[in-house]
Amino acid sequence: MSPMSSSVSARSAAEVNAEIRDLWQRSGGCLTPQDEAEYQQLLVEWAAATGAGARSAA
């Protein structure tokens, strides 16, 4: 099982967004490499929650 599959959950986009905001606040606006990896995973989860991955570019 890939690590990304466990990151994508049934959380709402608002819940994931709140975690993203918390990450940025905790980091003081400067992400470490570990924070960056977490941020990227959260973005994938947020996009899945919003359906952004299913949208086509216009």
N, C-alpha and C. Protein backbone atom coordinates (compact mmCIF):
# COMPACT_ATOMS: atom_id res chain seq x y z
N MET A 1 0.86 -1.18 0.00
CA MET A 1 0.00 0.00 0.00
C MET A 1 0.89 1.23 0.00
N SER A 2 0.57 2.22 -0.81
CA SER A 2 1.38 3.43 -0.87
C SER A 2 1.08 4.33 0.30
N PRO A 3 2.05 5.15 0.74
CA PRO A 3 1.79 6.06 1.85
C PRO A 3 0.74 7.10 1.52
N MET A 4 0.58 7.44 0.26
CA MET A 4 -0.40 8.44 -0.12
C MET A 4 -1.82 7.94 0.08
N SER A 5 -2.05 6.64 -0.11
CA SER A 5 -3.41 6.13 0.03
C SER A 5 -3.91 6.26 1.46
N SER A 6 -3.01 6.16 2.44
CA SER A 6 -3.44 6.33 3.81
C SER A 6 -3.65 7.79 4.15
N SER A 7 -3.05 8.71 3.39
CA SER A 7 -3.21 10.14 3.64
C SER A 7 -4.54 10.65 3.12
N VAL A 8 -5.03 10.03 2.07
CA VAL A 8 -6.29 10.46 1.50
C VAL A 8 -7.40 9.81 2.30
N SER A 9 -8.20 10.65 2.94
CA SER A 9 -9.22 10.13 3.82
C SER A 9 -10.55 10.78 3.51
N ALA A 10 -11.51 10.49 4.35
CA ALA A 10 -12.85 11.03 4.16
C ALA A 10 -13.02 12.37 4.87
N ARG A 11 -11.92 13.01 5.27
CA ARG A 11 -12.03 14.31 5.93
C ARG A 11 -12.53 15.34 4.93
N SER A 12 -13.22 16.34 5.44
CA SER A 12 -13.72 17.39 4.57
C SER A 12 -12.59 18.32 4.15
N ALA A 13 -12.82 19.05 3.07
CA ALA A 13 -11.83 20.01 2.60
C ALA A 13 -11.56 21.06 3.69
N ALA A 14 -12.58 21.44 4.45
CA ALA A 14 -12.40 22.43 5.51
C ALA A 14 -11.48 21.90 6.60
N GLU A 15 -11.61 20.61 6.95
CA GLU A 15 -10.74 20.02 7.97
C GLU A 15 -9.29 19.99 7.50
N VAL A 16 -9.09 19.60 6.26
CA VAL A 16 -7.74 19.53 5.71
C VAL A 16 -7.17 20.95 5.60
N ASN A 17 -7.99 21.89 5.17
CA ASN A 17 -7.54 23.28 5.06
C ASN A 17 -7.11 23.81 6.41
N ALA A 18 -7.85 23.49 7.46
CA ALA A 18 -7.49 23.93 8.80
C ALA A 18 -6.13 23.35 9.21
N GLU A 19 -5.86 22.11 8.83
CA GLU A 19 -4.56 21.49 9.14
C GLU A 19 -3.44 22.16 8.36
N ILE A 20 -3.72 22.52 7.10
CA ILE A 20 -2.73 23.24 6.29
C ILE A 20 -2.41 24.59 6.92
N ARG A 21 -3.44 25.31 7.33
CA ARG A 21 -3.22 26.61 7.98
C ARG A 21 -2.41 26.46 9.26
N ASP A 22 -2.72 25.41 10.04
CA ASP A 22 -1.99 25.16 11.28
C ASP A 22 -0.52 24.87 10.99
N LEU A 23 -0.25 24.08 9.96
CA LEU A 23 1.12 23.77 9.58
C LEU A 23 1.89 25.04 9.25
N TRP A 24 1.29 25.91 8.46
CA TRP A 24 1.96 27.17 8.10
C TRP A 24 2.19 28.04 9.31
N GLN A 25 1.21 28.08 10.21
CA GLN A 25 1.35 28.90 11.42
C GLN A 25 2.46 28.36 12.32
N ARG A 26 2.48 27.03 12.51
CA ARG A 26 3.52 26.41 13.35
C ARG A 26 4.90 26.63 12.78
N SER A 27 5.01 26.64 11.46
CA SER A 27 6.32 26.76 10.81
C SER A 27 6.80 28.20 10.72
N GLY A 28 5.93 29.14 11.02
CA GLY A 28 6.31 30.54 10.91
C GLY A 28 6.47 30.98 9.46
N GLY A 29 5.86 30.23 8.55
CA GLY A 29 5.90 30.59 7.13
C GLY A 29 7.13 30.07 6.40
N CYS A 30 7.95 29.27 7.07
CA CYS A 30 9.15 28.71 6.45
C CYS A 30 9.16 27.21 6.71
N LEU A 31 8.79 26.44 5.69
CA LEU A 31 8.66 24.99 5.86
C LEU A 31 10.01 24.29 5.79
N THR A 32 10.21 23.36 6.72
CA THR A 32 11.37 22.47 6.66
C THR A 32 11.09 21.43 5.59
N PRO A 33 12.09 20.67 5.18
CA PRO A 33 11.82 19.59 4.21
C PRO A 33 10.75 18.62 4.70
N GLN A 34 10.73 18.32 5.99
CA GLN A 34 9.71 17.42 6.54
C GLN A 34 8.33 18.09 6.48
N ASP A 35 8.27 19.39 6.82
CA ASP A 35 7.02 20.14 6.73
C ASP A 35 6.53 20.20 5.29
N GLU A 36 7.46 20.37 4.36
CA GLU A 36 7.11 20.44 2.94
C GLU A 36 6.48 19.13 2.47
N ALA A 37 7.02 18.01 2.93
CA ALA A 37 6.46 16.70 2.57
C ALA A 37 5.04 16.57 3.13
N GLU A 38 4.85 17.00 4.37
CA GLU A 38 3.51 16.95 4.98
C GLU A 38 2.55 17.86 4.22
N TYR A 39 3.04 19.04 3.85
CA TYR A 39 2.23 20.00 3.10
C TYR A 39 1.78 19.41 1.76
N GLN A 40 2.69 18.77 1.06
CA GLN A 40 2.36 18.16 -0.22
C GLN A 40 1.29 17.09 -0.06
N GLN A 41 1.39 16.28 0.99
CA GLN A 41 0.39 15.24 1.24
C GLN A 41 -0.97 15.87 1.57
N LEU A 42 -0.93 16.95 2.34
CA LEU A 42 -2.18 17.64 2.67
C LEU A 42 -2.82 18.25 1.43
N LEU A 43 -2.01 18.77 0.53
CA LEU A 43 -2.56 19.32 -0.72
C LEU A 43 -3.26 18.25 -1.54
N VAL A 44 -2.66 17.07 -1.60
CA VAL A 44 -3.28 15.95 -2.33
C VAL A 44 -4.62 15.60 -1.68
N GLU A 45 -4.63 15.53 -0.35
CA GLU A 45 -5.85 15.19 0.36
C GLU A 45 -6.91 16.28 0.16
N TRP A 46 -6.47 17.54 0.21
CA TRP A 46 -7.41 18.66 0.02
C TRP A 46 -8.00 18.61 -1.39
N ALA A 47 -7.15 18.37 -2.38
CA ALA A 47 -7.64 18.31 -3.77
C ALA A 47 -8.64 17.18 -3.94
N ALA A 48 -8.39 16.04 -3.31
CA ALA A 48 -9.33 14.92 -3.39
C ALA A 48 -10.65 15.29 -2.72
N ALA A 49 -10.57 15.99 -1.60
CA ALA A 49 -11.79 16.37 -0.87
C ALA A 49 -12.63 17.39 -1.63
N THR A 50 -11.97 18.24 -2.41
CA THR A 50 -12.70 19.25 -3.17
C THR A 50 -13.08 18.77 -4.57
N GLY A 51 -12.52 17.64 -4.98
CA GLY A 51 -12.76 17.16 -6.33
C GLY A 51 -11.91 17.88 -7.36
N ALA A 52 -10.89 18.61 -6.91
CA ALA A 52 -10.05 19.39 -7.81
C ALA A 52 -9.30 18.50 -8.79
N GLY A 53 -9.00 17.28 -8.41
CA GLY A 53 -8.28 16.39 -9.30
C GLY A 53 -9.13 15.93 -10.47
N ALA A 54 -10.45 16.01 -10.34
CA ALA A 54 -11.36 15.55 -11.39
C ALA A 54 -11.68 16.68 -12.38
N ARG A 55 -11.33 17.89 -12.05
CA ARG A 55 -11.65 19.02 -12.95
C ARG A 55 -10.65 19.08 -14.09
N SER A 56 -11.15 19.45 -15.25
CA SER A 56 -10.24 19.60 -16.39
C SER A 56 -9.91 21.07 -16.56
N ALA A 57 -8.72 21.32 -17.08
CA ALA A 57 -8.29 22.71 -17.32
C ALA A 57 -9.07 23.27 -18.49
N ALA A 58 -9.46 24.50 -18.36
CA ALA A 58 -10.23 25.15 -19.43
C ALA A 58 -9.32 25.87 -20.38
